[in-house]
């Protein structure tokens, strides 16, 4: 797993065999978790590294 910021929220990028398998992002407000999102849609994941700057 790799930590990242996705759409301004903390996230984990999960890979299998070097390919992105899914992304788990966490939305927080005032120190509380207000949303968990897990994306596995191959069409959305295929654009992830092209459109989103991944950093720690």
PDB file of N, CA and C in Angstrom:
ATOM      1  N   UNK A   1       0.847  -1.181   0.000  1.00  0.00           N
ATOM      2  CA  UNK A   1       0.000   0.000   0.000  1.00  0.00           C
ATOM      3  C   UNK A   1       0.887   1.237   0.000  1.00  0.00           C
ATOM      4  N   UNK A   2       0.351   2.266  -0.622  1.00  0.00           N
ATOM      5  CA  UNK A   2       1.060   3.536  -0.730  1.00  0.00           C
ATOM      6  C   UNK A   2       0.139   4.641  -0.241  1.00  0.00           C
ATOM      7  N   UNK A   3       0.645   5.491   0.639  1.00  0.00           N
ATOM      8  CA  UNK A   3      -0.177   6.616   1.092  1.00  0.00           C
ATOM      9  C   UNK A   3      -0.125   7.729   0.058  1.00  0.00           C
ATOM     10  N   UNK A   4      -1.215   8.492  -0.026  1.00  0.00           N
ATOM     11  CA  UNK A   4      -1.308   9.561  -1.014  1.00  0.00           C
ATOM     12  C   UNK A   4      -2.377  10.552  -0.589  1.00  0.00           C
ATOM     13  N   UNK A   5      -2.465  11.660  -1.313  1.00  0.00           N
ATOM     14  CA  UNK A   5      -3.561  12.605  -1.196  1.00  0.00           C
ATOM     15  C   UNK A   5      -4.355  12.492  -2.495  1.00  0.00           C
ATOM     16  N   UNK A   6      -5.622  12.190  -2.401  1.00  0.00           N
ATOM     17  CA  UNK A   6      -6.491  12.080  -3.567  1.00  0.00           C
ATOM     18  C   UNK A   6      -7.639  13.059  -3.377  1.00  0.00           C
ATOM     19  N   UNK A   7      -7.808  13.970  -4.312  1.00  0.00           N
ATOM     20  CA  UNK A   7      -8.860  14.988  -4.223  1.00  0.00           C
ATOM     21  C   UNK A   7      -8.803  15.735  -2.892  1.00  0.00           C
ATOM     22  N   UNK A   8      -7.590  15.959  -2.392  1.00  0.00           N
ATOM     23  CA  UNK A   8      -7.413  16.712  -1.151  1.00  0.00           C
ATOM     24  C   UNK A   8      -7.641  15.933   0.119  1.00  0.00           C
ATOM     25  N   UNK A   9      -7.821  14.615   0.018  1.00  0.00           N
ATOM     26  CA  UNK A   9      -8.074  13.786   1.196  1.00  0.00           C
ATOM     27  C   UNK A   9      -7.008  12.706   1.315  1.00  0.00           C
ATOM     28  N   UNK A  10      -6.705  12.271   2.551  1.00  0.00           N
ATOM     29  CA  UNK A  10      -5.747  11.180   2.715  1.00  0.00           C
ATOM     30  C   UNK A  10      -6.284   9.901   2.085  1.00  0.00           C
ATOM     31  N   UNK A  11      -5.376   9.123   1.495  1.00  0.00           N
ATOM     32  CA  UNK A  11      -5.806   7.906   0.803  1.00  0.00           C
ATOM     33  C   UNK A  11      -4.717   6.847   0.847  1.00  0.00           C
ATOM     34  N   UNK A  12      -5.126   5.616   0.574  1.00  0.00           N
ATOM     35  CA  UNK A  12      -4.202   4.492   0.401  1.00  0.00           C
ATOM     36  C   UNK A  12      -4.434   3.920  -0.984  1.00  0.00           C
ATOM     37  N   UNK A  13      -3.342   3.726  -1.717  1.00  0.00           N
ATOM     38  CA  UNK A  13      -3.417   3.113  -3.044  1.00  0.00           C
ATOM     39  C   UNK A  13      -2.963   1.672  -2.890  1.00  0.00           C
ATOM     40  N   UNK A  14      -3.808   0.751  -3.299  1.00  0.00           N
ATOM     41  CA  UNK A  14      -3.508  -0.677  -3.187  1.00  0.00           C
ATOM     42  C   UNK A  14      -3.141  -1.234  -4.555  1.00  0.00           C
ATOM     43  N   UNK A  15      -2.019  -1.938  -4.602  1.00  0.00           N
ATOM     44  CA  UNK A  15      -1.534  -2.510  -5.857  1.00  0.00           C
ATOM     45  C   UNK A  15      -1.389  -4.018  -5.737  1.00  0.00           C
ATOM     46  N   UNK A  16      -1.635  -4.686  -6.841  1.00  0.00           N
ATOM     47  CA  UNK A  16      -1.376  -6.123  -6.956  1.00  0.00           C
ATOM     48  C   UNK A  16      -0.584  -6.300  -8.236  1.00  0.00           C
ATOM     49  N   UNK A  17       0.591  -6.888  -8.116  1.00  0.00           N
ATOM     50  CA  UNK A  17       1.436  -7.086  -9.283  1.00  0.00           C
ATOM     51  C   UNK A  17       1.815  -5.791  -9.972  1.00  0.00           C
ATOM     52  N   UNK A  18       1.957  -4.709  -9.215  1.00  0.00           N
ATOM     53  CA  UNK A  18       2.326  -3.424  -9.776  1.00  0.00           C
ATOM     54  C   UNK A  18       1.178  -2.635 -10.368  1.00  0.00           C
ATOM     55  N   UNK A  19       0.005  -3.225 -10.464  1.00  0.00           N
ATOM     56  CA  UNK A  19      -1.169  -2.548 -11.023  1.00  0.00           C
ATOM     57  C   UNK A  19      -2.063  -2.040  -9.895  1.00  0.00           C
ATOM     58  N   UNK A  20      -2.623  -0.856 -10.077  1.00  0.00           N
ATOM     59  CA  UNK A  20      -3.534  -0.305  -9.075  1.00  0.00           C
ATOM     60  C   UNK A  20      -4.794  -1.165  -9.023  1.00  0.00           C
ATOM     61  N   UNK A  21      -5.070  -1.698  -7.840  1.00  0.00           N
ATOM     62  CA  UNK A  21      -6.243  -2.556  -7.626  1.00  0.00           C
ATOM     63  C   UNK A  21      -7.406  -1.768  -7.032  1.00  0.00           C
ATOM     64  N   UNK A  22      -7.077  -0.768  -6.220  1.00  0.00           N
ATOM     65  CA  UNK A  22      -8.122   0.021  -5.590  1.00  0.00           C
ATOM     66  C   UNK A  22      -7.533   1.194  -4.833  1.00  0.00           C
ATOM     67  N   UNK A  23      -8.394   2.156  -4.510  1.00  0.00           N
ATOM     68  CA  UNK A  23      -7.996   3.327  -3.740  1.00  0.00           C
ATOM     69  C   UNK A  23      -9.012   3.531  -2.628  1.00  0.00           C
ATOM     70  N   UNK A  24      -8.514   3.634  -1.406  1.00  0.00           N
ATOM     71  CA  UNK A  24      -9.351   3.919  -0.250  1.00  0.00           C
ATOM     72  C   UNK A  24      -9.035   5.341   0.194  1.00  0.00           C
ATOM     73  N   UNK A  25     -10.032   6.232   0.164  1.00  0.00           N
ATOM     74  CA  UNK A  25      -9.814   7.597   0.633  1.00  0.00           C
ATOM     75  C   UNK A  25     -10.730   7.875   1.824  1.00  0.00           C
ATOM     76  N   UNK A  26     -10.279   8.801   2.662  1.00  0.00           N
ATOM     77  CA  UNK A  26     -10.987   9.130   3.899  1.00  0.00           C
ATOM     78  C   UNK A  26     -11.269  10.630   3.910  1.00  0.00           C
ATOM     79  N   UNK A  27     -12.521  10.992   4.077  1.00  0.00           N
ATOM     80  CA  UNK A  27     -12.886  12.400   4.210  1.00  0.00           C
ATOM     81  C   UNK A  27     -13.056  12.694   5.694  1.00  0.00           C
ATOM     82  N   UNK A  28     -12.470  13.788   6.156  1.00  0.00           N
ATOM     83  CA  UNK A  28     -12.598  14.175   7.565  1.00  0.00           C
ATOM     84  C   UNK A  28     -13.090  15.612   7.663  1.00  0.00           C
ATOM     85  N   UNK A  29     -13.803  15.887   8.736  1.00  0.00           N
ATOM     86  CA  UNK A  29     -14.255  17.231   9.060  1.00  0.00           C
ATOM     87  C   UNK A  29     -14.138  17.411  10.561  1.00  0.00           C
ATOM     88  N   UNK A  30     -13.453  18.443  10.966  1.00  0.00           N
ATOM     89  CA  UNK A  30     -13.263  18.744  12.393  1.00  0.00           C
ATOM     90  C   UNK A  30     -12.690  17.555  13.156  1.00  0.00           C
ATOM     91  N   UNK A  31     -11.756  16.833  12.532  1.00  0.00           N
ATOM     92  CA  UNK A  31     -11.105  15.712  13.192  1.00  0.00           C
ATOM     93  C   UNK A  31     -11.911  14.427  13.232  1.00  0.00           C
ATOM     94  N   UNK A  32     -13.081  14.413  12.610  1.00  0.00           N
ATOM     95  CA  UNK A  32     -13.921  13.219  12.585  1.00  0.00           C
ATOM     96  C   UNK A  32     -14.009  12.669  11.165  1.00  0.00           C
ATOM     97  N   UNK A  33     -14.027  11.358  11.044  1.00  0.00           N
ATOM     98  CA  UNK A  33     -14.193  10.721   9.737  1.00  0.00           C
ATOM     99  C   UNK A  33     -15.656  10.883   9.321  1.00  0.00           C
ATOM    100  N   UNK A  34     -15.865  11.501   8.159  1.00  0.00           N
ATOM    101  CA  UNK A  34     -17.225  11.713   7.671  1.00  0.00           C
ATOM    102  C   UNK A  34     -17.514  10.921   6.403  1.00  0.00           C
ATOM    103  N   UNK A  35     -16.498  10.267   5.870  1.00  0.00           N
ATOM    104  CA  UNK A  35     -16.736   9.461   4.682  1.00  0.00           C
ATOM    105  C   UNK A  35     -15.559   8.562   4.368  1.00  0.00           C
ATOM    106  N   UNK A  36     -15.855   7.349   3.938  1.00  0.00           N
ATOM    107  CA  UNK A  36     -14.866   6.399   3.447  1.00  0.00           C
ATOM    108  C   UNK A  36     -15.256   6.038   2.024  1.00  0.00           C
ATOM    109  N   UNK A  37     -14.294   6.075   1.122  1.00  0.00           N
ATOM    110  CA  UNK A  37     -14.580   5.776  -0.277  1.00  0.00           C
ATOM    111  C   UNK A  37     -13.569   4.762  -0.786  1.00  0.00           C
ATOM    112  N   UNK A  38     -14.049   3.699  -1.384  1.00  0.00           N
ATOM    113  CA  UNK A  38     -13.174   2.683  -1.957  1.00  0.00           C
ATOM    114  C   UNK A  38     -13.531   2.558  -3.429  1.00  0.00           C
ATOM    115  N   UNK A  39     -12.585   2.891  -4.281  1.00  0.00           N
ATOM    116  CA  UNK A  39     -12.808   2.875  -5.729  1.00  0.00           C
ATOM    117  C   UNK A  39     -12.073   1.689  -6.336  1.00  0.00           C
ATOM    118  N   UNK A  40     -12.806   0.869  -7.099  1.00  0.00           N
ATOM    119  CA  UNK A  40     -12.208  -0.254  -7.817  1.00  0.00           C
ATOM    120  C   UNK A  40     -12.575  -0.220  -9.294  1.00  0.00           C
ATOM    121  N   UNK A  41     -13.308   0.784  -9.717  1.00  0.00           N
ATOM    122  CA  UNK A  41     -13.724   0.911 -11.100  1.00  0.00           C
ATOM    123  C   UNK A  41     -12.485   1.043 -11.988  1.00  0.00           C
ATOM    124  N   UNK A  42     -12.220   0.060 -12.870  1.00  0.00           N
ATOM    125  CA  UNK A  42     -11.015   0.093 -13.701  1.00  0.00           C
ATOM    126  C   UNK A  42     -10.902   1.347 -14.572  1.00  0.00           C
ATOM    127  N   UNK A  43     -12.031   1.890 -15.022  1.00  0.00           N
ATOM    128  CA  UNK A  43     -11.972   3.102 -15.840  1.00  0.00           C
ATOM    129  C   UNK A  43     -11.465   4.295 -15.037  1.00  0.00           C
ATOM    130  N   UNK A  44     -11.884   4.416 -13.799  1.00  0.00           N
ATOM    131  CA  UNK A  44     -11.408   5.518 -12.956  1.00  0.00           C
ATOM    132  C   UNK A  44      -9.959   5.284 -12.522  1.00  0.00           C
ATOM    133  N   UNK A  45      -9.617   4.055 -12.214  1.00  0.00           N
ATOM    134  CA  UNK A  45      -8.264   3.755 -11.755  1.00  0.00           C
ATOM    135  C   UNK A  45      -7.232   3.913 -12.868  1.00  0.00           C
ATOM    136  N   UNK A  46      -7.620   3.679 -14.108  1.00  0.00           N
ATOM    137  CA  UNK A  46      -6.667   3.784 -15.214  1.00  0.00           C
ATOM    138  C   UNK A  46      -6.197   5.225 -15.398  1.00  0.00           C
ATOM    139  N   UNK A  47      -6.995   6.199 -14.987  1.00  0.00           N
ATOM    140  CA  UNK A  47      -6.624   7.610 -15.110  1.00  0.00           C
ATOM    141  C   UNK A  47      -5.915   8.129 -13.868  1.00  0.00           C
ATOM    142  N   UNK A  48      -5.880   7.370 -12.812  1.00  0.00           N
ATOM    143  CA  UNK A  48      -5.377   7.843 -11.524  1.00  0.00           C
ATOM    144  C   UNK A  48      -3.980   8.418 -11.624  1.00  0.00           C
ATOM    145  N   UNK A  49      -3.023   7.676 -12.111  1.00  0.00           N
ATOM    146  CA  UNK A  49      -1.650   8.141 -12.128  1.00  0.00           C
ATOM    147  C   UNK A  49      -1.409   9.182 -13.209  1.00  0.00           C
ATOM    148  N   UNK A  50      -2.242   9.236 -14.231  1.00  0.00           N
ATOM    149  CA  UNK A  50      -2.081  10.234 -15.274  1.00  0.00           C
ATOM    150  C   UNK A  50      -2.579  11.602 -14.823  1.00  0.00           C
ATOM    151  N   UNK A  51      -3.677  11.627 -14.072  1.00  0.00           N
ATOM    152  CA  UNK A  51      -4.320  12.899 -13.734  1.00  0.00           C
ATOM    153  C   UNK A  51      -4.061  13.371 -12.317  1.00  0.00           C
ATOM    154  N   UNK A  52      -3.666  12.494 -11.436  1.00  0.00           N
ATOM    155  CA  UNK A  52      -3.513  12.851 -10.037  1.00  0.00           C
ATOM    156  C   UNK A  52      -2.054  12.774  -9.623  1.00  0.00           C
ATOM    157  N   UNK A  53      -1.573  13.841  -9.050  1.00  0.00           N
ATOM    158  CA  UNK A  53      -0.213  13.829  -8.528  1.00  0.00           C
ATOM    159  C   UNK A  53      -0.205  13.032  -7.235  1.00  0.00           C
ATOM    160  N   UNK A  54       0.481  11.914  -7.238  1.00  0.00           N
ATOM    161  CA  UNK A  54       0.543  11.062  -6.057  1.00  0.00           C
ATOM    162  C   UNK A  54       1.763  11.439  -5.240  1.00  0.00           C
ATOM    163  N   UNK A  55       1.563  11.755  -3.976  1.00  0.00           N
ATOM    164  CA  UNK A  55       2.677  12.081  -3.103  1.00  0.00           C
ATOM    165  C   UNK A  55       2.319  11.736  -1.666  1.00  0.00           C
ATOM    166  N   UNK A  56       3.315  11.669  -0.848  1.00  0.00           N
ATOM    167  CA  UNK A  56       3.125  11.357   0.566  1.00  0.00           C
ATOM    168  C   UNK A  56       2.899  12.608   1.358  1.00  0.00           C
TER     169      UNK A  56
END
